[in-house]
Amino acid sequence: MKVRNPEQISIPASNTTKDPG
């Protein structure tokens, strides 16, 4: 899983705590 900058990448709010929206 590549989760470093959820703000930079576009990932669904499924495996991330910091979701831009």
N, C-alpha and C. Protein backbone atom coordinates (compact mmCIF):
# COMPACT_ATOMS: atom_id res chain seq x y z
N MET A 1 0.84 -1.22 0.00
CA MET A 1 0.00 0.00 0.00
C MET A 1 0.87 1.26 0.00
N LYS A 2 0.62 2.11 -0.97
CA LYS A 2 1.42 3.35 -1.03
C LYS A 2 0.61 4.51 -0.47
N VAL A 3 0.67 4.67 0.83
CA VAL A 3 -0.08 5.77 1.44
C VAL A 3 0.88 6.68 2.21
N ARG A 4 1.36 7.71 1.54
CA ARG A 4 2.31 8.63 2.18
C ARG A 4 1.70 10.03 2.25
N ASN A 5 1.23 10.49 1.11
CA ASN A 5 0.64 11.84 1.08
C ASN A 5 -0.75 11.77 0.45
N PRO A 6 -1.76 11.47 1.25
CA PRO A 6 -3.13 11.36 0.78
C PRO A 6 -3.62 12.66 0.17
N GLU A 7 -2.97 13.76 0.51
CA GLU A 7 -3.39 15.06 -0.02
C GLU A 7 -2.89 15.23 -1.45
N GLN A 8 -1.75 14.59 -1.75
CA GLN A 8 -1.16 14.73 -3.08
C GLN A 8 -1.77 13.71 -4.03
N ILE A 9 -1.88 12.47 -3.56
CA ILE A 9 -2.43 11.42 -4.40
C ILE A 9 -3.95 11.36 -4.28
N SER A 10 -4.57 10.74 -5.24
CA SER A 10 -6.03 10.65 -5.23
C SER A 10 -6.47 9.25 -4.82
N ILE A 11 -6.74 9.08 -3.53
CA ILE A 11 -7.14 7.78 -3.04
C ILE A 11 -8.49 7.86 -2.34
N PRO A 12 -9.29 6.81 -2.45
CA PRO A 12 -10.61 6.77 -1.83
C PRO A 12 -10.53 6.74 -0.31
N ALA A 13 -11.59 7.19 0.34
CA ALA A 13 -11.60 7.23 1.81
C ALA A 13 -11.92 5.85 2.36
N SER A 14 -11.05 4.90 2.04
CA SER A 14 -11.27 3.53 2.50
C SER A 14 -10.09 3.06 3.35
N ASN A 15 -8.91 3.47 2.93
CA ASN A 15 -7.71 3.05 3.66
C ASN A 15 -6.86 4.26 4.01
N THR A 16 -7.52 5.33 4.39
CA THR A 16 -6.78 6.55 4.73
C THR A 16 -7.50 7.32 5.83
N THR A 17 -6.74 7.92 6.71
CA THR A 17 -7.35 8.67 7.81
C THR A 17 -7.45 10.14 7.43
N LYS A 18 -6.45 10.62 6.67
CA LYS A 18 -6.47 12.03 6.25
C LYS A 18 -7.07 12.14 4.85
N ASP A 19 -8.32 12.43 4.79
CA ASP A 19 -8.99 12.53 3.50
C ASP A 19 -9.33 13.98 3.18
N PRO A 20 -8.84 14.48 2.05
CA PRO A 20 -9.07 15.87 1.64
C PRO A 20 -10.55 16.16 1.42
N GLY A 21 -11.27 15.13 0.93
CA GLY A 21 -12.68 15.37 0.71
C GLY A 21 -13.16 14.64 -0.51
